[in-house]
Protein backbone atom coordinates (compact mmCIF):
# COMPACT_ATOMS: atom_id res chain seq x y z
CA MET A 1 -6.98 9.50 -1.72
CA LYS A 2 -6.48 6.15 -3.41
CA GLN A 3 -9.37 4.67 -1.44
CA ASP A 4 -11.66 7.46 -2.62
CA LEU A 5 -10.78 6.76 -6.25
CA GLU A 6 -11.37 3.05 -5.77
CA HIS A 7 -14.73 3.78 -4.19
CA VAL A 8 -15.74 5.98 -7.14
CA GLU A 9 -14.60 3.34 -9.63
CA ALA A 10 -16.63 0.70 -7.78
CA LEU A 11 -19.72 2.89 -8.03
CA LEU A 12 -19.11 3.45 -11.74
CA ARG A 13 -18.80 -0.30 -12.36
CA GLN A 14 -22.29 -0.77 -10.88
CA PHE A 15 -23.77 1.59 -13.46
CA ARG A 16 -25.73 -0.20 -16.20
CA PRO A 17 -27.08 2.02 -18.99
CA ARG A 18 -30.59 1.24 -20.22
CA ALA A 19 -32.49 2.20 -23.32
CA PRO A 20 -34.90 5.09 -22.69
CA GLY A 21 -38.50 4.11 -22.18
CA VAL A 22 -41.78 5.77 -23.03
CA LEU A 23 -42.89 8.54 -20.70
CA PRO A 24 -45.99 7.73 -18.70
CA ALA A 25 -49.14 9.13 -20.27
CA GLN A 26 -50.95 11.82 -18.33
CA PRO A 27 -54.69 12.21 -18.63
CA HIS A 28 -55.69 15.15 -20.83
CA ARG A 29 -57.47 17.78 -18.77
CA THR A 30 -59.86 19.95 -20.65
CA ALA A 31 -59.83 23.62 -19.89
CA TRP A 32 -63.50 24.25 -19.15
CA TRP A 33 -62.93 27.96 -18.60
CA VAL A 34 -61.74 28.70 -22.17
CA VAL A 35 -65.21 28.88 -23.72
CA PRO A 36 -66.72 31.27 -21.11
CA ALA A 37 -63.61 33.47 -21.29
CA ALA A 38 -63.88 33.68 -25.08
CA VAL A 39 -67.57 34.56 -24.85
CA ALA A 40 -66.83 37.29 -22.28
CA ALA A 41 -64.02 38.70 -24.44
CA LEU A 42 -66.30 38.80 -27.49
CA ALA A 43 -69.02 40.52 -25.46
CA VAL A 44 -66.61 43.21 -24.26
CA LEU A 45 -65.30 43.71 -27.79
CA ALA A 46 -68.79 43.95 -29.25
CA ALA A 47 -69.88 46.44 -26.58
CA SER A 48 -66.80 48.61 -27.11
CA VAL A 49 -67.33 48.68 -30.88
CA ARG A 50 -71.06 49.31 -30.49
CA PHE A 51 -70.72 52.26 -28.12
CA MET A 52 -67.54 53.77 -29.59
CA PRO A 53 -68.13 57.24 -31.04
CA MET A 54 -67.28 57.37 -34.72
CA SER A 55 -66.32 61.03 -34.80
CA ALA A 56 -66.14 63.60 -32.08
CA PRO A 57 -65.79 67.33 -32.54
CA ALA A 58 -62.50 68.83 -31.47
CA PRO A 59 -62.81 70.19 -27.94
CA ALA A 60 -62.31 73.87 -27.35
CA VAL A 61 -59.44 74.46 -24.97
CA GLY A 62 -59.86 77.61 -22.90
CA ILE A 63 -57.21 79.97 -21.62
CA GLY A 64 -55.37 78.52 -18.66
CA GLN A 65 -57.14 75.18 -19.04
CA ALA A 66 -55.15 71.96 -18.91
CA LEU A 67 -55.15 69.82 -22.02
CA THR A 68 -56.05 66.19 -21.35
CA LEU A 69 -54.99 63.21 -23.42
CA ARG A 70 -58.55 62.71 -24.61
CA GLU A 71 -58.71 66.30 -25.86
CA MET A 72 -55.30 65.92 -27.51
CA ARG A 73 -56.45 62.76 -29.29
CA ALA A 74 -59.60 64.50 -30.52
CA LEU A 75 -57.48 67.40 -31.80
CA VAL A 76 -55.17 65.00 -33.64
CA ASP A 77 -58.15 63.23 -35.21
CA ALA A 78 -59.69 66.54 -36.26
CA ASP A 79 -56.57 68.31 -37.55
CA PRO A 80 -52.94 67.84 -36.44
CA ALA A 81 -52.19 71.51 -37.13
CA THR A 82 -54.88 72.46 -34.62
CA LEU A 83 -53.11 70.41 -31.95
CA ASP A 84 -49.80 72.07 -32.76
CA GLN A 85 -51.32 75.55 -32.55
CA THR A 86 -53.14 74.71 -29.30
CA LEU A 87 -49.97 73.36 -27.68
CA LEU A 88 -48.04 76.43 -28.79
CA GLU A 89 -50.63 78.78 -27.25
CA LEU A 90 -50.80 76.80 -24.01
CA SER A 91 -47.01 76.72 -23.68
CA ARG A 92 -46.83 80.51 -24.15
CA ARG A 93 -49.28 80.95 -21.28
CA ALA A 94 -47.83 78.30 -18.98
CA LEU A 95 -44.06 78.74 -19.42
CA PRO A 96 -42.08 81.84 -18.48
CA ASP A 97 -40.94 84.19 -21.24
CA VAL A 98 -37.18 83.65 -21.34
CA GLU A 99 -36.60 86.45 -23.83
CA ALA A 100 -38.22 89.17 -21.72
CA PRO A 101 -35.57 91.63 -20.38
CA ASP A 102 -37.02 91.67 -16.86
CA SER A 103 -37.22 87.88 -16.46
CA ALA A 104 -34.86 85.96 -14.19
CA LEU A 105 -33.43 84.05 -17.14
CA GLY A 106 -33.00 87.30 -19.04
CA GLN A 107 -30.86 88.59 -16.17
CA PHE A 108 -28.58 85.53 -16.43
CA ALA A 109 -28.35 85.88 -20.20
CA ARG A 110 -26.88 89.39 -19.92
CA ARG A 111 -23.99 88.34 -17.72
């Protein structure tokens, strides 16, 4: 144990602190791909703004028809109350009537 401590102390005596030096300079690499990527991004943005519809009529949702996110968004843009009414009508058609006396849930409610 004593020999190990002496060995460590001998290693520590060899240590000579130095003042920090300047880091070596690395050559600056230019990113050649930045300009074409910016041009491509601007082209996509310009095309999406150019071909974006400014206003779309609210789609008519038929009975038993599923309501897509695009149709929901158009309904919200047209009139939020229309979306609420449409969702209410679709839920009445799609979900079971829990208040009906002959429904399975109505049977459980009586017990």
